Protein backbone atom coordinates (compact mmCIF):
# COMPACT_ATOMS: atom_id res chain seq x y z
CA MET A 1 -0.15 -0.18 0.26
CA ALA A 2 3.17 2.33 0.04
CA ALA A 3 2.90 2.90 -3.93
CA PRO A 4 0.39 5.94 -3.64
CA HIS A 5 2.35 7.57 -1.10
CA ILE A 6 5.72 7.47 -2.22
CA SER A 7 4.16 8.49 -5.67
CA ALA A 8 2.93 11.43 -4.16
CA LEU A 9 6.24 12.14 -2.52
CA ALA A 10 7.86 11.84 -5.74
CA ALA A 11 5.60 14.27 -7.19
CA ARG A 12 6.17 16.56 -4.34
CA LEU A 13 9.83 16.33 -4.93
CA LEU A 14 9.23 17.21 -8.67
CA GLN A 15 7.37 20.29 -7.51
CA ARG A 16 10.41 21.32 -5.58
CA ASN A 17 13.06 20.78 -8.14
CA SER A 18 11.51 19.96 -11.51
CA SER A 19 15.08 18.94 -13.24
CA LEU A 20 15.31 15.68 -10.68
CA THR A 21 15.82 12.54 -12.51
CA PRO A 22 14.25 9.01 -11.34
CA SER A 23 17.04 8.12 -10.19
CA GLN A 24 17.82 11.20 -8.10
CA ILE A 25 14.16 10.88 -6.87
CA LYS A 26 14.57 7.59 -6.11
CA ARG A 27 17.77 8.04 -3.74
CA THR A 28 16.53 11.15 -2.04
CA ILE A 29 13.73 8.93 -0.66
CA THR A 30 15.60 5.81 0.39
CA THR A 31 18.09 7.87 1.94
CA THR A 32 15.79 10.11 4.10
CA ALA A 33 13.74 7.00 5.04
CA ARG A 34 13.43 6.04 8.89
CA PRO A 35 14.72 2.50 9.44
CA MET A 36 11.85 -0.02 10.84
CA PRO A 37 13.89 -2.21 13.03
CA SER A 38 10.93 -4.60 13.57
CA CYS A 39 10.47 -5.32 9.92
CA GLY A 40 13.43 -6.82 9.35
CA SER A 41 14.40 -7.03 6.00
CA ASN A 42 11.35 -6.85 4.49
CA CYS A 43 10.74 -3.24 4.42
CA GLY A 44 12.96 -1.78 1.75
CA ALA A 45 14.68 1.39 2.85
CA GLY A 46 12.21 1.87 5.69
CA LEU A 47 9.77 4.28 6.49
CA ALA A 48 9.47 7.29 4.09
CA ASP A 49 10.18 10.86 6.01
CA ALA A 50 8.38 13.07 3.40
CA ALA A 51 9.15 16.19 5.30
CA LYS A 52 12.65 15.20 5.48
CA ALA A 53 12.85 14.20 1.82
CA VAL A 54 11.38 17.47 0.58
CA ARG A 55 14.16 19.64 2.90
CA SER A 56 16.82 17.67 2.02
CA LEU A 57 16.21 19.25 -1.64
CA ARG A 58 17.66 23.12 -2.13
CA PRO A 59 14.70 25.16 -3.25
């Protein structure tokens, strides 16, 4: 069920910086995600932190 949320976050990142490539968007989302230790290795990069991802981009 994460796909709609991640798609919306990707759109918000593009709104902040329209020159981002798909690789840059993925890297931004994965590097700003919060780990979810209770999930083991089944949660990918962890819990997406939308605010942190948007703040990580320069205006």
